[in-house]
Amino acid sequence: MSRLTLSILLLFLLILATNYNWWQDSEQPQVNKQREDVWQPNYQARNMQTNLFNEEGVLTHSIHAAVMEHYEALGFTLFQQPQYSVFVQADEPPWEITAQEGTLYEDNRIQLETNVEIRSLSEDGVWQTINTSFIEIDLNNKTMHSDQPVTILGVNYTIRGNGFSADMNSKQFELLDHVETIYGKDN
């Protein structure tokens, strides 16, 4: 190799070495920007009302929320003050479920938190209201589950326990850990 070729090669390596850090730094903000975009909702709605129907055109559930934010990349939708109405059969009143916060996942599973209240709108139901701080609902199977303290209010009775599971189709409830039952009008 001649001195001229060697000098050009060393000059090229020197330029490459000095600009390497600048070249690496210029690509970093794009990666950070993409990571930050994941935390930004794809769309938002206020006073949102949505009705969902099955293949036969029968209403299966209705959702109302004060605020809704959808995060496509993360695979969930956040709700503030959600109110869900779950219709099990067309000829029966729906179950109405309210909370302060909710998260709907892509697999049709919703988690509701803070002041969760489940109300039976059926007049002949054994219980009227279930209160808890957390519940997970599988909207496909129409099942509910909670591992938090729960209060069940019925006609002239109150039941307290820790956790429950329910099948809305069969109307079967299971209290996971019974704490107390109070009978009478002043419960």
N, C-alpha and C. Protein backbone atom coordinates (compact mmCIF):
# COMPACT_ATOMS: atom_id res chain seq x y z
N MET A 1 0.84 -1.17 0.00
CA MET A 1 0.00 0.00 0.00
C MET A 1 0.89 1.23 0.00
N SER A 2 0.50 2.19 -0.78
CA SER A 2 1.28 3.42 -0.85
C SER A 2 0.93 4.32 0.33
N ARG A 3 1.81 5.29 0.57
CA ARG A 3 1.58 6.24 1.66
C ARG A 3 0.29 7.03 1.42
N LEU A 4 0.00 7.37 0.21
CA LEU A 4 -1.21 8.14 -0.11
C LEU A 4 -2.46 7.31 0.22
N THR A 5 -2.48 6.06 -0.16
CA THR A 5 -3.61 5.19 0.14
C THR A 5 -3.75 4.99 1.64
N LEU A 6 -2.66 4.79 2.33
CA LEU A 6 -2.67 4.63 3.78
C LEU A 6 -3.15 5.90 4.46
N SER A 7 -2.70 7.05 4.00
CA SER A 7 -3.14 8.34 4.57
C SER A 7 -4.64 8.55 4.37
N ILE A 8 -5.14 8.23 3.19
CA ILE A 8 -6.59 8.39 2.92
C ILE A 8 -7.38 7.43 3.80
N LEU A 9 -6.93 6.21 3.94
CA LEU A 9 -7.60 5.23 4.79
C LEU A 9 -7.62 5.67 6.25
N LEU A 10 -6.50 6.18 6.78
CA LEU A 10 -6.46 6.68 8.15
C LEU A 10 -7.35 7.90 8.33
N LEU A 11 -7.37 8.79 7.34
CA LEU A 11 -8.24 9.97 7.40
C LEU A 11 -9.71 9.55 7.42
N PHE A 12 -10.06 8.57 6.60
CA PHE A 12 -11.42 8.06 6.56
C PHE A 12 -11.82 7.44 7.91
N LEU A 13 -10.93 6.63 8.51
CA LEU A 13 -11.20 6.02 9.81
C LEU A 13 -11.32 7.08 10.91
N LEU A 14 -10.50 8.14 10.83
CA LEU A 14 -10.57 9.22 11.80
C LEU A 14 -11.91 9.96 11.71
N ILE A 15 -12.35 10.24 10.50
CA ILE A 15 -13.65 10.91 10.29
C ILE A 15 -14.78 10.00 10.79
N LEU A 16 -14.71 8.73 10.46
CA LEU A 16 -15.72 7.77 10.91
C LEU A 16 -15.76 7.69 12.43
N ALA A 17 -14.63 7.62 13.08
CA ALA A 17 -14.56 7.52 14.55
C ALA A 17 -15.09 8.78 15.21
N THR A 18 -14.80 9.96 14.67
CA THR A 18 -15.28 11.20 15.28
C THR A 18 -16.78 11.39 15.08
N ASN A 19 -17.31 10.90 14.02
CA ASN A 19 -18.75 11.09 13.74
C ASN A 19 -19.61 9.91 14.21
N TYR A 20 -19.00 8.87 14.72
CA TYR A 20 -19.76 7.69 15.16
C TYR A 20 -20.76 8.05 16.26
N ASN A 21 -20.32 8.80 17.28
CA ASN A 21 -21.22 9.18 18.38
C ASN A 21 -22.36 10.07 17.87
N TRP A 22 -22.06 10.98 16.97
CA TRP A 22 -23.11 11.84 16.42
C TRP A 22 -24.13 11.01 15.65
N TRP A 23 -23.65 10.02 14.90
CA TRP A 23 -24.52 9.18 14.09
C TRP A 23 -25.42 8.33 15.01
N GLN A 24 -24.89 7.79 16.09
CA GLN A 24 -25.67 6.99 17.03
C GLN A 24 -26.71 7.85 17.74
N ASP A 25 -26.35 9.06 18.16
CA ASP A 25 -27.27 9.95 18.86
C ASP A 25 -28.42 10.39 17.97
N SER A 26 -28.19 10.54 16.68
CA SER A 26 -29.25 11.00 15.79
C SER A 26 -30.33 9.94 15.60
N GLU A 27 -30.03 8.66 15.82
CA GLU A 27 -31.03 7.61 15.67
C GLU A 27 -31.80 7.35 16.97
N GLN A 28 -31.27 7.66 18.10
CA GLN A 28 -31.89 7.39 19.39
C GLN A 28 -33.24 8.09 19.59
N PRO A 29 -33.40 9.38 19.26
CA PRO A 29 -34.68 10.02 19.50
C PRO A 29 -35.85 9.36 18.79
N GLN A 30 -35.64 8.75 17.63
CA GLN A 30 -36.72 8.07 16.94
C GLN A 30 -37.22 6.89 17.75
N VAL A 31 -36.34 6.11 18.33
CA VAL A 31 -36.73 4.96 19.13
C VAL A 31 -37.50 5.44 20.36
N ASN A 32 -37.01 6.47 21.05
CA ASN A 32 -37.71 7.01 22.21
C ASN A 32 -39.07 7.57 21.82
N LYS A 33 -39.17 8.21 20.67
CA LYS A 33 -40.44 8.77 20.22
C LYS A 33 -41.45 7.66 20.00
N GLN A 34 -41.01 6.53 19.39
CA GLN A 34 -41.91 5.42 19.19
C GLN A 34 -42.38 4.85 20.53
N ARG A 35 -41.49 4.75 21.50
CA ARG A 35 -41.88 4.24 22.83
C ARG A 35 -42.85 5.19 23.51
N GLU A 36 -42.67 6.48 23.36
CA GLU A 36 -43.57 7.46 23.95
C GLU A 36 -44.93 7.43 23.28
N ASP A 37 -44.99 7.19 21.97
CA ASP A 37 -46.25 7.14 21.25
C ASP A 37 -47.15 6.01 21.72
N VAL A 38 -46.56 4.92 22.22
CA VAL A 38 -47.35 3.80 22.73
C VAL A 38 -48.22 4.25 23.89
N TRP A 39 -47.76 5.18 24.67
CA TRP A 39 -48.49 5.65 25.85
C TRP A 39 -49.50 6.73 25.52
N GLN A 40 -49.60 7.13 24.26
CA GLN A 40 -50.60 8.10 23.83
C GLN A 40 -51.78 7.34 23.23
N PRO A 41 -53.01 7.67 23.63
CA PRO A 41 -54.16 6.93 23.07
C PRO A 41 -54.31 7.18 21.58
N ASN A 42 -54.75 6.14 20.87
CA ASN A 42 -55.02 6.28 19.44
C ASN A 42 -56.23 7.16 19.19
N TYR A 43 -57.22 7.05 20.08
CA TYR A 43 -58.36 7.95 20.03
C TYR A 43 -59.03 8.02 21.39
N GLN A 44 -59.77 9.11 21.59
CA GLN A 44 -60.46 9.37 22.85
C GLN A 44 -61.90 9.74 22.54
N ALA A 45 -62.77 9.52 23.51
CA ALA A 45 -64.17 9.91 23.37
C ALA A 45 -64.69 10.36 24.73
N ARG A 46 -65.61 11.28 24.70
CA ARG A 46 -66.29 11.74 25.92
C ARG A 46 -67.77 11.42 25.77
N ASN A 47 -68.39 11.03 26.90
CA ASN A 47 -69.81 10.63 26.90
C ASN A 47 -70.09 9.61 25.81
N MET A 48 -69.27 8.59 25.77
CA MET A 48 -69.35 7.54 24.77
C MET A 48 -70.48 6.58 25.08
N GLN A 49 -71.21 6.18 24.05
CA GLN A 49 -72.26 5.16 24.17
C GLN A 49 -72.07 4.17 23.02
N THR A 50 -71.91 2.89 23.36
CA THR A 50 -71.71 1.86 22.34
C THR A 50 -72.61 0.68 22.65
N ASN A 51 -73.24 0.14 21.61
CA ASN A 51 -74.06 -1.06 21.72
C ASN A 51 -73.40 -2.15 20.89
N LEU A 52 -73.25 -3.35 21.47
CA LEU A 52 -72.63 -4.47 20.77
C LEU A 52 -73.67 -5.56 20.54
N PHE A 53 -73.69 -6.10 19.31
CA PHE A 53 -74.68 -7.09 18.91
C PHE A 53 -73.98 -8.39 18.52
N ASN A 54 -74.67 -9.51 18.65
CA ASN A 54 -74.11 -10.79 18.21
C ASN A 54 -74.40 -11.00 16.73
N GLU A 55 -74.06 -12.18 16.20
CA GLU A 55 -74.21 -12.47 14.77
C GLU A 55 -75.67 -12.42 14.32
N GLU A 56 -76.60 -12.71 15.23
CA GLU A 56 -78.02 -12.70 14.89
C GLU A 56 -78.65 -11.32 15.02
N GLY A 57 -77.87 -10.33 15.42
CA GLY A 57 -78.38 -8.97 15.56
C GLY A 57 -79.02 -8.69 16.91
N VAL A 58 -78.78 -9.57 17.89
CA VAL A 58 -79.35 -9.40 19.23
C VAL A 58 -78.35 -8.61 20.09
N LEU A 59 -78.86 -7.61 20.82
CA LEU A 59 -78.02 -6.79 21.69
C LEU A 59 -77.43 -7.65 22.80
N THR A 60 -76.07 -7.65 22.91
CA THR A 60 -75.41 -8.46 23.94
C THR A 60 -74.91 -7.62 25.10
N HIS A 61 -74.38 -6.42 24.82
CA HIS A 61 -74.03 -5.50 25.89
C HIS A 61 -73.96 -4.07 25.37
N SER A 62 -74.17 -3.19 26.31
CA SER A 62 -74.17 -1.76 26.04
C SER A 62 -73.17 -1.12 26.99
N ILE A 63 -72.40 -0.16 26.46
CA ILE A 63 -71.37 0.48 27.26
C ILE A 63 -71.56 1.99 27.19
N HIS A 64 -71.52 2.62 28.35
CA HIS A 64 -71.52 4.08 28.41
C HIS A 64 -70.36 4.47 29.32
N ALA A 65 -69.62 5.51 28.94
CA ALA A 65 -68.51 5.97 29.77
C ALA A 65 -68.36 7.48 29.63
N ALA A 66 -67.96 8.12 30.74
CA ALA A 66 -67.72 9.56 30.70
C ALA A 66 -66.53 9.86 29.80
N VAL A 67 -65.46 9.04 29.90
CA VAL A 67 -64.27 9.20 29.06
C VAL A 67 -63.79 7.82 28.66
N MET A 68 -63.37 7.68 27.39
CA MET A 68 -62.82 6.44 26.87
C MET A 68 -61.54 6.77 26.12
N GLU A 69 -60.49 5.96 26.35
CA GLU A 69 -59.21 6.11 25.64
C GLU A 69 -58.78 4.74 25.13
N HIS A 70 -58.54 4.64 23.82
CA HIS A 70 -58.15 3.36 23.22
C HIS A 70 -56.65 3.38 22.89
N TYR A 71 -55.94 2.33 23.34
CA TYR A 71 -54.51 2.17 23.11
C TYR A 71 -54.30 0.92 22.25
N GLU A 72 -54.21 1.12 20.96
CA GLU A 72 -54.09 0.02 19.99
C GLU A 72 -52.83 -0.82 20.25
N ALA A 73 -51.68 -0.19 20.38
CA ALA A 73 -50.41 -0.92 20.53
C ALA A 73 -50.37 -1.71 21.84
N LEU A 74 -51.02 -1.23 22.87
CA LEU A 74 -51.01 -1.92 24.16
C LEU A 74 -52.14 -2.94 24.29
N GLY A 75 -53.14 -2.86 23.42
CA GLY A 75 -54.20 -3.86 23.40
C GLY A 75 -55.28 -3.68 24.44
N PHE A 76 -55.57 -2.45 24.85
CA PHE A 76 -56.67 -2.25 25.79
C PHE A 76 -57.31 -0.88 25.61
N THR A 77 -58.48 -0.74 26.23
CA THR A 77 -59.23 0.51 26.24
C THR A 77 -59.53 0.86 27.68
N LEU A 78 -59.27 2.11 28.07
CA LEU A 78 -59.55 2.59 29.43
C LEU A 78 -60.85 3.37 29.45
N PHE A 79 -61.60 3.20 30.54
CA PHE A 79 -62.86 3.92 30.72
C PHE A 79 -62.85 4.64 32.06
N GLN A 80 -63.44 5.82 32.09
CA GLN A 80 -63.71 6.50 33.35
C GLN A 80 -65.23 6.52 33.52
N GLN A 81 -65.68 6.14 34.70
CA GLN A 81 -67.09 6.04 35.06
C GLN A 81 -67.87 5.19 34.06
N PRO A 82 -67.40 3.94 33.84
CA PRO A 82 -68.12 3.07 32.90
C PRO A 82 -69.42 2.54 33.49
N GLN A 83 -70.38 2.34 32.61
CA GLN A 83 -71.64 1.71 32.96
C GLN A 83 -71.91 0.65 31.90
N TYR A 84 -71.84 -0.62 32.32
CA TYR A 84 -72.06 -1.73 31.41
C TYR A 84 -73.44 -2.31 31.65
N SER A 85 -74.12 -2.61 30.58
CA SER A 85 -75.36 -3.38 30.65
C SER A 85 -75.09 -4.66 29.87
N VAL A 86 -75.17 -5.80 30.55
CA VAL A 86 -74.89 -7.09 29.94
C VAL A 86 -76.22 -7.82 29.78
N PHE A 87 -76.58 -8.12 28.53
CA PHE A 87 -77.83 -8.81 28.22
C PHE A 87 -77.54 -10.29 28.05
N VAL A 88 -78.13 -11.11 28.92
CA VAL A 88 -77.91 -12.55 28.86
C VAL A 88 -78.90 -13.18 27.89
N GLN A 89 -80.18 -12.87 28.05
CA GLN A 89 -81.22 -13.36 27.15
C GLN A 89 -82.09 -12.18 26.74
N ALA A 90 -82.62 -12.25 25.53
CA ALA A 90 -83.38 -11.14 24.97
C ALA A 90 -84.64 -10.80 25.77
N ASP A 91 -85.23 -11.78 26.40
CA ASP A 91 -86.48 -11.55 27.12
C ASP A 91 -86.27 -11.23 28.60
N GLU A 92 -85.03 -11.07 29.04
CA GLU A 92 -84.74 -10.77 30.45
C GLU A 92 -84.07 -9.41 30.58
N PRO A 93 -84.31 -8.73 31.72
CA PRO A 93 -83.62 -7.45 31.94
C PRO A 93 -82.11 -7.66 32.04
N PRO A 94 -81.33 -6.67 31.66
CA PRO A 94 -79.86 -6.83 31.70
C PRO A 94 -79.31 -6.70 33.11
N TRP A 95 -78.05 -7.07 33.25
CA TRP A 95 -77.28 -6.80 34.46
C TRP A 95 -76.65 -5.43 34.24
N GLU A 96 -76.69 -4.58 35.22
CA GLU A 96 -76.08 -3.26 35.09
C GLU A 96 -74.90 -3.18 36.06
N ILE A 97 -73.73 -2.83 35.51
CA ILE A 97 -72.50 -2.82 36.29
C ILE A 97 -71.85 -1.46 36.13
N THR A 98 -71.57 -0.78 37.25
CA THR A 98 -70.94 0.54 37.21
C THR A 98 -69.68 0.53 38.06
N ALA A 99 -68.77 1.46 37.76
CA ALA A 99 -67.52 1.59 38.51
C ALA A 99 -66.92 2.96 38.23
N GLN A 100 -65.84 3.28 38.91
CA GLN A 100 -65.13 4.53 38.64
C GLN A 100 -64.17 4.38 37.46
N GLU A 101 -63.56 3.19 37.33
CA GLU A 101 -62.57 2.96 36.28
C GLU A 101 -62.77 1.57 35.71
N GLY A 102 -62.40 1.43 34.44
CA GLY A 102 -62.49 0.12 33.80
C GLY A 102 -61.45 -0.02 32.70
N THR A 103 -61.07 -1.27 32.44
CA THR A 103 -60.13 -1.59 31.36
C THR A 103 -60.68 -2.75 30.58
N LEU A 104 -60.89 -2.55 29.28
CA LEU A 104 -61.37 -3.59 28.38
C LEU A 104 -60.18 -4.09 27.57
N TYR A 105 -59.96 -5.40 27.60
CA TYR A 105 -58.86 -6.02 26.87
C TYR A 105 -59.36 -6.62 25.57
N GLU A 106 -58.44 -6.90 24.65
CA GLU A 106 -58.80 -7.41 23.32
C GLU A 106 -59.51 -8.75 23.37
N ASP A 107 -59.34 -9.53 24.44
CA ASP A 107 -59.98 -10.84 24.54
C ASP A 107 -61.38 -10.76 25.16
N ASN A 108 -62.00 -9.57 25.13
CA ASN A 108 -63.34 -9.32 25.67
C ASN A 108 -63.42 -9.60 27.17
N ARG A 109 -62.38 -9.23 27.86
CA ARG A 109 -62.33 -9.33 29.32
C ARG A 109 -62.24 -7.91 29.84
N ILE A 110 -63.08 -7.58 30.82
CA ILE A 110 -63.05 -6.24 31.38
C ILE A 110 -62.78 -6.32 32.87
N GLN A 111 -61.93 -5.42 33.34
CA GLN A 111 -61.67 -5.29 34.77
C GLN A 111 -62.21 -3.94 35.21
N LEU A 112 -63.07 -3.96 36.22
CA LEU A 112 -63.65 -2.75 36.78
C LEU A 112 -63.12 -2.56 38.19
N GLU A 113 -62.79 -1.29 38.51
CA GLU A 113 -62.20 -0.98 39.81
C GLU A 113 -62.85 0.23 40.44
N THR A 114 -62.82 0.27 41.75
CA THR A 114 -63.25 1.38 42.59
C THR A 114 -64.76 1.58 42.53
N ASN A 115 -65.41 1.34 43.64
CA ASN A 115 -66.87 1.49 43.78
C ASN A 115 -67.64 0.71 42.73
N VAL A 116 -67.32 -0.55 42.59
CA VAL A 116 -68.01 -1.40 41.63
C VAL A 116 -69.37 -1.80 42.21
N GLU A 117 -70.41 -1.60 41.41
CA GLU A 117 -71.77 -1.98 41.83
C GLU A 117 -72.42 -2.77 40.71
N ILE A 118 -72.90 -3.96 41.05
CA ILE A 118 -73.60 -4.83 40.10
C ILE A 118 -75.05 -4.86 40.53
N ARG A 119 -75.92 -4.44 39.63
CA ARG A 119 -77.34 -4.40 39.96
C ARG A 119 -78.14 -5.36 39.08
N SER A 120 -79.00 -6.10 39.72
CA SER A 120 -79.93 -6.94 38.99
C SER A 120 -81.16 -6.09 38.69
N LEU A 121 -81.50 -5.97 37.43
CA LEU A 121 -82.68 -5.19 37.06
C LEU A 121 -83.92 -6.05 36.99
N SER A 122 -83.77 -7.32 37.36
CA SER A 122 -84.89 -8.25 37.40
C SER A 122 -85.67 -8.06 38.69
N GLU A 123 -86.99 -7.99 38.61
CA GLU A 123 -87.82 -7.78 39.81
C GLU A 123 -87.91 -9.04 40.67
N ASP A 124 -87.73 -10.20 40.07
CA ASP A 124 -87.85 -11.44 40.84
C ASP A 124 -86.50 -12.02 41.26
N GLY A 125 -85.44 -11.22 41.19
CA GLY A 125 -84.11 -11.68 41.58
C GLY A 125 -83.98 -11.88 43.08
N VAL A 126 -83.13 -12.81 43.47
CA VAL A 126 -82.90 -13.11 44.88
C VAL A 126 -82.14 -11.96 45.54
N TRP A 127 -81.26 -11.32 44.82
CA TRP A 127 -80.49 -10.19 45.35
C TRP A 127 -80.67 -8.99 44.44
N GLN A 128 -80.45 -7.80 44.99
CA GLN A 128 -80.58 -6.58 44.20
C GLN A 128 -79.24 -5.99 43.79
N THR A 129 -78.25 -5.99 44.72
CA THR A 129 -77.00 -5.28 44.47
C THR A 129 -75.82 -6.06 45.05
N ILE A 130 -74.70 -6.01 44.33
CA ILE A 130 -73.42 -6.53 44.82
C ILE A 130 -72.43 -5.37 44.75
N ASN A 131 -71.75 -5.09 45.85
CA ASN A 131 -70.74 -4.03 45.90
C ASN A 131 -69.37 -4.63 46.20
N THR A 132 -68.35 -4.14 45.49
CA THR A 132 -66.98 -4.58 45.71
C THR A 132 -66.04 -3.51 45.16
N SER A 133 -64.75 -3.70 45.33
CA SER A 133 -63.79 -2.72 44.82
C SER A 133 -63.14 -3.16 43.50
N PHE A 134 -63.31 -4.43 43.13
CA PHE A 134 -62.70 -4.94 41.90
C PHE A 134 -63.50 -6.12 41.39
N ILE A 135 -63.66 -6.19 40.08
CA ILE A 135 -64.31 -7.35 39.46
C ILE A 135 -63.74 -7.53 38.06
N GLU A 136 -63.63 -8.78 37.65
CA GLU A 136 -63.23 -9.10 36.28
C GLU A 136 -64.39 -9.84 35.63
N ILE A 137 -64.76 -9.39 34.43
CA ILE A 137 -65.90 -9.97 33.72
C ILE A 137 -65.41 -10.52 32.39
N ASP A 138 -65.75 -11.76 32.11
CA ASP A 138 -65.49 -12.36 30.80
C ASP A 138 -66.78 -12.16 30.00
N LEU A 139 -66.74 -11.24 29.04
CA LEU A 139 -67.94 -10.91 28.27
C LEU A 139 -68.33 -12.01 27.29
N ASN A 140 -67.39 -12.87 26.90
CA ASN A 140 -67.72 -13.99 26.01
C ASN A 140 -68.52 -15.05 26.75
N ASN A 141 -68.05 -15.44 27.94
CA ASN A 141 -68.71 -16.49 28.72
C ASN A 141 -69.76 -15.95 29.69
N LYS A 142 -69.79 -14.63 29.84
CA LYS A 142 -70.71 -13.96 30.78
C LYS A 142 -70.53 -14.49 32.20
N THR A 143 -69.24 -14.45 32.64
CA THR A 143 -68.91 -14.83 34.00
C THR A 143 -68.22 -13.65 34.69
N MET A 144 -68.32 -13.61 36.02
CA MET A 144 -67.71 -12.56 36.83
C MET A 144 -66.89 -13.21 37.92
N HIS A 145 -65.83 -12.50 38.33
CA HIS A 145 -64.99 -13.00 39.41
C HIS A 145 -64.38 -11.82 40.17
N SER A 146 -64.32 -11.94 41.48
CA SER A 146 -63.65 -10.95 42.32
C SER A 146 -63.00 -11.67 43.49
N ASP A 147 -61.82 -11.18 43.89
CA ASP A 147 -61.16 -11.73 45.08
C ASP A 147 -61.13 -10.70 46.20
N GLN A 148 -61.90 -9.64 46.05
CA GLN A 148 -61.94 -8.54 47.01
C GLN A 148 -63.16 -8.69 47.93
N PRO A 149 -63.18 -7.95 49.08
CA PRO A 149 -64.37 -7.97 49.94
C PRO A 149 -65.61 -7.58 49.14
N VAL A 150 -66.71 -8.26 49.44
CA VAL A 150 -67.95 -8.07 48.69
C VAL A 150 -69.13 -7.98 49.66
N THR A 151 -70.11 -7.14 49.30
CA THR A 151 -71.36 -7.04 50.06
C THR A 151 -72.51 -7.30 49.10
N ILE A 152 -73.36 -8.27 49.45
CA ILE A 152 -74.52 -8.62 48.63
C ILE A 152 -75.76 -8.18 49.37
N LEU A 153 -76.57 -7.34 48.72
CA LEU A 153 -77.80 -6.85 49.33
C LEU A 153 -79.00 -7.51 48.65
N GLY A 154 -79.88 -8.07 49.47
CA GLY A 154 -81.10 -8.68 48.96
C GLY A 154 -82.28 -8.15 49.73
N VAL A 155 -83.43 -8.76 49.51
CA VAL A 155 -84.63 -8.35 50.23
C VAL A 155 -84.49 -8.82 51.68
N ASN A 156 -84.33 -7.88 52.59
CA ASN A 156 -84.23 -8.12 54.03
C ASN A 156 -82.99 -8.91 54.46
N TYR A 157 -81.93 -8.87 53.71
CA TYR A 157 -80.69 -9.50 54.16
C TYR A 157 -79.49 -8.82 53.53
N THR A 158 -78.33 -8.98 54.22
CA THR A 158 -77.04 -8.51 53.73
C THR A 158 -76.03 -9.63 53.96
N ILE A 159 -75.25 -9.92 52.94
CA ILE A 159 -74.22 -10.95 53.04
C ILE A 159 -72.88 -10.27 52.78
N ARG A 160 -71.91 -10.53 53.66
CA ARG A 160 -70.56 -10.01 53.47
C ARG A 160 -69.60 -11.19 53.33
N GLY A 161 -68.63 -11.01 52.44
CA GLY A 161 -67.66 -12.06 52.24
C GLY A 161 -66.43 -11.52 51.54
N ASN A 162 -65.52 -12.40 51.23
CA ASN A 162 -64.31 -12.04 50.51
C ASN A 162 -64.28 -12.83 49.21
N GLY A 163 -64.57 -12.15 48.13
CA GLY A 163 -64.53 -12.74 46.81
C GLY A 163 -65.77 -13.51 46.45
N PHE A 164 -66.05 -13.56 45.14
CA PHE A 164 -67.15 -14.35 44.63
C PHE A 164 -66.92 -14.62 43.15
N SER A 165 -67.63 -15.61 42.66
CA SER A 165 -67.66 -15.86 41.22
C SER A 165 -69.12 -16.05 40.85
N ALA A 166 -69.44 -15.69 39.60
CA ALA A 166 -70.83 -15.77 39.16
C ALA A 166 -70.88 -16.13 37.69
N ASP A 167 -71.91 -16.88 37.34
CA ASP A 167 -72.21 -17.19 35.95
C ASP A 167 -73.55 -16.52 35.66
N MET A 168 -73.52 -15.48 34.81
CA MET A 168 -74.74 -14.73 34.54
C MET A 168 -75.73 -15.55 33.72
N ASN A 169 -75.26 -16.53 32.93
CA ASN A 169 -76.16 -17.36 32.14
C ASN A 169 -77.01 -18.26 33.04
N SER A 170 -76.36 -18.95 33.96
CA SER A 170 -77.07 -19.88 34.83
C SER A 170 -77.57 -19.22 36.11
N LYS A 171 -77.18 -17.97 36.34
CA LYS A 171 -77.55 -17.21 37.55
C LYS A 171 -77.06 -17.91 38.82
N GLN A 172 -75.87 -18.52 38.74
CA GLN A 172 -75.29 -19.17 39.90
C GLN A 172 -74.17 -18.31 40.45
N PHE A 173 -74.19 -18.13 41.77
CA PHE A 173 -73.19 -17.34 42.46
C PHE A 173 -72.51 -18.21 43.50
N GLU A 174 -71.23 -17.94 43.68
CA GLU A 174 -70.48 -18.66 44.70
C GLU A 174 -69.70 -17.63 45.50
N LEU A 175 -69.98 -17.55 46.78
CA LEU A 175 -69.23 -16.69 47.69
C LEU A 175 -67.98 -17.47 48.10
N LEU A 176 -66.80 -16.92 47.84
CA LEU A 176 -65.56 -17.66 48.08
C LEU A 176 -65.22 -17.78 49.56
N ASP A 177 -65.48 -16.74 50.33
CA ASP A 177 -65.18 -16.76 51.77
C ASP A 177 -66.27 -15.98 52.49
N HIS A 178 -67.24 -16.69 53.06
CA HIS A 178 -68.36 -16.06 53.77
C HIS A 178 -67.88 -15.46 55.09
N VAL A 179 -68.27 -14.22 55.36
CA VAL A 179 -67.90 -13.56 56.60
C VAL A 179 -69.11 -13.47 57.53
N GLU A 180 -70.22 -12.90 57.03
CA GLU A 180 -71.42 -12.81 57.86
C GLU A 180 -72.66 -12.61 57.01
N THR A 181 -73.79 -12.99 57.59
CA THR A 181 -75.10 -12.75 56.97
C THR A 181 -75.98 -12.09 58.01
N ILE A 182 -76.64 -11.00 57.64
CA ILE A 182 -77.51 -10.29 58.54
C ILE A 182 -78.92 -10.31 57.94
N TYR A 183 -79.90 -10.80 58.72
CA TYR A 183 -81.29 -10.84 58.28
C TYR A 183 -82.07 -9.76 58.97
N GLY A 184 -83.09 -9.25 58.31
CA GLY A 184 -83.97 -8.27 58.91
C GLY A 184 -84.03 -7.01 58.08
N LYS A 185 -84.97 -6.15 58.40
CA LYS A 185 -85.17 -4.93 57.64
C LYS A 185 -84.11 -3.88 57.91
N ASP A 186 -83.47 -3.90 59.06
CA ASP A 186 -82.47 -2.90 59.41
C ASP A 186 -81.06 -3.44 59.20
N ASN A 187 -80.81 -4.05 58.07
CA ASN A 187 -79.49 -4.61 57.84
C ASN A 187 -78.67 -3.56 57.22
